[in-house]
Structures are given as structure tokens and as C-alpha cells.
């Protein structure tokens, strides 16, 4: 005759094992956090199943020999099935870990690539900003140079006008000097002529005076 407690444990174990099988089936079609949650649930129920098998083995010690021999083989089969189910779960856990590592590696590589692209983009932006600043400085220098050139041209224009006016005044002065020289030469000729006429007049007056003196003092003798 079988142990009543053993039979109760046996029924509970079969229900628990069925749940473990369903969890194992679900593990094959889910990913991420859901799979991790199922693995934790499987681990808890698998631990509970091992404890239940230990209790069944303990209860079997007080069972009749014929039943104990038959049930012992059944317990060994249950243990093998549970170990097999546990190995499949461990494989799924390893697969999750591998996928997580691969995902992390891919994400890390993607992050590294993004960081590299970001660094290149920042360098490009800095180079563009420096080039923009350089162009702005060049435009500013060109504008300042253009303004200075315009001022110089205007100043040169003013100086040219001054030189033109000075040249005009010099030409006028030269003409005035030429006229003055002509006037001076004319005056000089007139002075010479006047001096010559004056000399002639003086000579004539002296001659007349000499004639009068001669006539007055020497003609009576």
C-alpha cells in the first residue's frame, strides 16, 4: 500500500512539473525582461520541485517494499527529467546572457561610433566656426582697407586739387613776373633814354652858358 502523503506530493509535483514545462516553452519565444522574469520564476519553482522530490523520497522510506521499488524508479525518472529541464533553462539563461553581451557589444560599438561621429562633427563645427570667424575677419579687414583706400583716394584728390590750384597760382605768378620783367625792362629803357636826353640837355645848357660867357667877356676885346 502506498503512502498517502507520497501520493499527495506526487500530484503536487506533477502539477509543478507541468508549470515548469510551460515556463520552458515560453522561454523559447520571449526575450528581454520578460525572459529574465520567467527564468527567475523557473528557478524558484525548480527549487520547489527539488524539495518536493526530497520529501517524496523521504515518504517513500515508510512505504511497502513493492510500492517503494516501483516508486523509486519513478523518482529517478522525475529527477532526470527535472535535471534535463533545468539544463534547458540554463541554456536559455546562457543564451540570454550571450545575447545581452552581444547587444551590449553592439550598443557599445554603436555608442562608440556615435561618439566618434559626434567628436568629428564637433571638430568639423569648430573648424567651420574658425573658418567663419576667419572669413568675417577677412571681410572686416577688407572693409577697413577699402575705407582706408577710399580716404586715401579722397585725400589724394584734395591734394591734387590743391596742387592744381597751386599750379594755377604759380602760372599766374609766372605770367605776372613776365609782365613785371617787361615793365621793368621798359622802365629801364625809359630811364636810360631820359638820362641820355638829360645829359644832352645839360651839355647843351653848358654849351650855351659857355657861349654866353665867351660872348660877354671875350668878344669886346
Protein backbone atom coordinates (compact mmCIF):
# COMPACT_ATOMS: atom_id res chain seq x y z
CA UNK A 1 0.00 0.00 0.00
CA UNK A 2 1.38 3.44 -0.98
CA UNK A 3 1.89 6.31 1.37
CA UNK A 4 -1.00 8.77 1.34
CA UNK A 5 1.39 11.71 1.85
CA UNK A 6 3.52 10.44 -1.02
CA UNK A 7 0.51 10.40 -3.34
CA UNK A 8 -0.37 13.97 -2.39
CA UNK A 9 3.20 15.07 -3.02
CA UNK A 10 3.19 13.13 -6.28
CA UNK A 11 0.13 15.00 -7.56
CA UNK A 12 1.56 18.34 -6.48
CA UNK A 13 4.86 17.52 -8.17
CA UNK A 14 3.18 16.65 -11.46
CA UNK A 15 1.33 19.97 -11.41
CA UNK A 16 4.57 21.79 -10.59
CA UNK A 17 6.48 19.96 -13.32
CA UNK A 18 3.75 20.85 -15.83
CA UNK A 19 4.17 24.51 -14.86
CA UNK A 20 7.95 24.19 -15.32
CA UNK A 21 7.43 22.71 -18.79
CA UNK A 22 5.12 25.58 -19.75
CA UNK A 23 7.67 28.10 -18.48
CA UNK A 24 10.35 26.33 -20.50
CA UNK A 25 8.18 26.51 -23.63
CA UNK A 26 7.53 30.20 -23.08
CA UNK A 27 11.26 30.83 -22.61
CA UNK A 28 11.86 29.80 -26.22
CA UNK A 29 9.62 32.53 -27.62
CA UNK A 30 10.27 35.57 -25.42
CA UNK A 31 13.14 37.99 -24.94
CA UNK A 32 14.47 40.71 -22.73
CA UNK A 33 12.97 41.47 -19.34
CA UNK A 34 10.10 39.01 -19.82
CA UNK A 35 12.58 36.18 -20.35
CA UNK A 36 14.57 37.19 -17.27
CA UNK A 37 11.37 37.21 -15.24
CA UNK A 38 10.46 33.71 -16.48
CA UNK A 39 13.96 32.44 -15.65
CA UNK A 40 13.60 33.72 -12.08
CA UNK A 41 10.18 32.06 -11.82
CA UNK A 42 11.59 28.81 -13.25
CA UNK A 43 14.45 28.85 -10.74
CA UNK A 44 12.03 29.29 -7.82
CA UNK A 45 9.70 26.51 -8.99
CA UNK A 46 12.63 24.22 -9.86
CA UNK A 47 13.94 24.65 -6.32
CA UNK A 48 10.47 23.90 -5.00
CA UNK A 49 10.31 20.78 -7.22
CA UNK A 50 13.66 19.50 -5.87
CA UNK A 51 12.44 19.98 -2.31
CA UNK A 52 9.23 18.14 -3.19
CA UNK A 53 11.20 15.21 -4.67
CA UNK A 54 13.26 15.07 -1.49
CA UNK A 55 10.06 14.91 0.59
CA UNK A 56 8.66 12.21 -1.71
CA UNK A 57 11.87 10.23 -1.29
CA UNK A 58 11.59 10.59 2.47
CA UNK A 59 7.94 9.48 2.46
CA UNK A 60 8.86 6.53 0.26
CA UNK A 61 11.02 5.07 3.01
CA UNK A 62 7.93 4.18 5.03
CA UNK A 63 6.04 2.72 2.04
CA UNK A 64 5.68 -1.04 1.39
CA UNK A 65 8.68 -2.61 -0.39
CA UNK A 66 6.80 -3.41 -3.60
CA UNK A 67 5.46 0.11 -3.94
CA UNK A 68 8.77 1.61 -2.79
CA UNK A 69 10.67 -0.27 -5.54
CA UNK A 70 8.24 0.89 -8.23
CA UNK A 71 8.12 4.47 -6.93
CA UNK A 72 11.93 4.68 -6.61
CA UNK A 73 12.28 4.15 -10.36
CA UNK A 74 9.66 6.81 -10.92
CA UNK A 75 11.55 9.23 -8.65
CA UNK A 76 14.78 8.63 -10.57
CA UNK A 77 12.96 9.38 -13.83
CA UNK A 78 11.49 12.55 -12.30
CA UNK A 79 14.95 13.66 -11.17
CA UNK A 80 16.40 13.01 -14.64
CA UNK A 81 13.57 14.94 -16.29
CA UNK A 82 13.96 17.79 -13.82
CA UNK A 83 17.72 17.92 -14.41
CA UNK A 84 17.13 17.90 -18.17
CA UNK A 85 14.58 20.68 -17.85
CA UNK A 86 16.98 22.61 -15.65
CA UNK A 87 19.77 22.20 -18.23
CA UNK A 88 17.48 23.57 -20.94
CA UNK A 89 16.65 26.52 -18.70
CA UNK A 90 20.35 27.08 -18.03
CA UNK A 91 20.95 27.01 -21.78
CA UNK A 92 18.25 29.65 -22.24
CA UNK A 93 19.80 31.72 -19.47
CA UNK A 94 23.21 31.40 -21.15
CA UNK A 95 21.62 32.37 -24.45
CA UNK A 96 20.08 35.44 -22.80
CA UNK A 97 23.45 36.37 -21.31
CA UNK A 98 25.15 35.87 -24.67
CA UNK A 99 22.52 37.93 -26.44
CA UNK A 100 22.81 40.59 -23.77
CA UNK A 101 26.58 40.66 -24.24
CA UNK A 102 26.13 40.81 -28.00
CA UNK A 103 23.50 43.50 -27.60
CA UNK A 104 25.76 45.38 -25.20
CA UNK A 105 28.68 44.93 -27.57
CA UNK A 106 26.60 46.18 -30.49
CA UNK A 107 25.22 49.04 -28.42
CA UNK A 108 28.71 49.83 -27.12
CA UNK A 109 30.10 49.75 -30.65
CA UNK A 110 27.20 51.87 -31.84
CA UNK A 111 27.75 54.27 -28.93
CA UNK A 112 31.47 54.41 -29.69
CA UNK A 113 30.73 55.07 -33.34
CA UNK A 114 28.23 57.76 -32.37
CA UNK A 115 30.77 59.32 -30.00
CA UNK A 116 33.38 59.22 -32.76
CA UNK A 117 30.94 60.76 -35.22
CA UNK A 118 29.95 63.32 -32.61
CA UNK A 119 33.62 64.17 -32.00
CA UNK A 120 34.18 64.50 -35.75
CA UNK A 121 31.05 66.63 -36.01
CA UNK A 122 32.25 68.86 -33.17
CA UNK A 123 35.67 69.15 -34.80
CA UNK A 124 34.00 69.98 -38.11
CA UNK A 125 31.79 72.54 -36.37
CA UNK A 126 34.80 74.10 -34.64
CA UNK A 127 36.71 74.17 -37.94
CA UNK A 128 33.67 75.72 -39.63
CA UNK A 129 33.37 78.30 -36.85
CA UNK A 130 37.07 79.12 -37.12
CA UNK A 131 36.75 79.40 -40.90
CA UNK A 132 33.66 81.60 -40.48
CA UNK A 133 35.50 83.80 -37.98
CA UNK A 134 38.48 83.97 -40.32
CA UNK A 135 36.23 84.94 -43.24
CA UNK A 136 34.49 87.53 -41.07
CA UNK A 137 37.88 88.96 -40.04
CA UNK A 138 38.97 88.97 -43.69
CA UNK A 139 35.76 90.78 -44.67
CA UNK A 140 36.25 93.25 -41.83
CA UNK A 141 39.90 93.85 -42.80
CA UNK A 142 38.87 94.18 -46.45
CA UNK A 143 36.16 96.68 -45.48
CA UNK A 144 38.63 98.63 -43.34
CA UNK A 145 41.21 98.52 -46.14
CA UNK A 146 38.58 99.68 -48.62
CA UNK A 147 37.60 102.52 -46.29
CA UNK A 148 41.25 103.49 -45.82
CA UNK A 149 41.79 103.29 -49.59
CA UNK A 150 38.73 105.48 -50.16
CA UNK A 151 40.02 108.01 -47.62
CA UNK A 152 43.46 107.98 -49.26
CA UNK A 153 41.92 108.46 -52.72
CA UNK A 154 39.79 111.33 -51.42
CA UNK A 155 42.82 112.87 -49.71
CA UNK A 156 44.89 112.46 -52.87
CA UNK A 157 42.06 114.06 -54.82
CA UNK A 158 42.04 117.00 -52.43
CA UNK A 159 45.83 117.27 -52.63
CA UNK A 160 45.59 117.11 -56.41
CA UNK A 161 43.06 119.93 -56.38
CA UNK A 162 45.38 121.92 -54.09
CA UNK A 163 48.30 121.21 -56.41
CA UNK A 164 46.20 122.24 -59.40
CA UNK A 165 45.26 125.47 -57.64
CA UNK A 166 48.90 126.00 -56.60
CA UNK A 167 49.98 125.30 -60.15
CA UNK A 168 47.41 127.79 -61.39
CA UNK A 169 48.68 130.37 -58.93
CA UNK A 170 52.27 129.63 -59.96
CA UNK A 171 51.34 130.01 -63.61
CA UNK A 172 49.62 133.30 -62.76
CA UNK A 173 52.64 134.38 -60.74
CA UNK A 174 54.93 133.44 -63.61
CA UNK A 175 52.81 135.46 -66.01
CA UNK A 176 52.83 138.37 -63.57
CA UNK A 177 56.59 138.06 -63.24
CA UNK A 178 56.94 138.08 -67.02
CA UNK A 179 54.79 141.18 -67.22
CA UNK A 180 56.79 142.75 -64.41
CA UNK A 181 60.04 141.97 -66.19
CA UNK A 182 58.66 143.53 -69.37
CA UNK A 183 57.55 146.60 -67.42
CA UNK A 184 60.93 146.81 -65.70
CA UNK A 185 62.76 146.49 -69.00
CA UNK A 186 60.52 149.18 -70.48
CA UNK A 187 61.10 151.42 -67.48
CA UNK A 188 64.81 150.74 -67.67
CA UNK A 189 64.86 151.76 -71.32
CA UNK A 190 62.89 154.89 -70.50
CA UNK A 191 65.27 155.74 -67.66
CA UNK A 192 68.28 155.27 -69.94
CA UNK A 193 66.61 157.40 -72.60
CA UNK A 194 65.71 160.04 -70.04
CA UNK A 195 69.26 160.03 -68.71
CA UNK A 196 70.60 160.37 -72.23
CA UNK A 197 68.22 163.25 -73.01
CA UNK A 198 69.06 164.86 -69.70
CA UNK A 199 72.77 164.56 -70.46
CA UNK A 200 72.25 166.11 -73.88
CA UNK A 201 70.22 168.92 -72.33
CA UNK A 202 72.91 169.53 -69.73
CA UNK A 203 75.59 169.54 -72.39
CA UNK A 204 73.56 171.99 -74.49
CA UNK A 205 72.96 174.19 -71.48
CA UNK A 206 76.67 174.13 -70.65
CA UNK A 207 77.50 174.97 -74.27
CA UNK A 208 75.04 177.86 -74.27
CA UNK A 209 76.35 179.03 -70.92
CA UNK A 210 79.92 178.83 -72.21
CA UNK A 211 78.94 180.74 -75.34
CA UNK A 212 77.32 183.47 -73.29
CA UNK A 213 80.33 183.78 -71.05
CA UNK A 214 82.62 183.94 -74.00
CA UNK A 215 80.47 186.50 -75.69
CA UNK A 216 80.23 188.65 -72.62
CA UNK A 217 83.82 188.63 -71.54
CA UNK A 218 85.90 187.93 -74.59
CA UNK A 219 84.04 189.33 -77.60
CA UNK A 220 84.67 193.08 -76.66
CA UNK A 221 88.37 192.81 -76.88
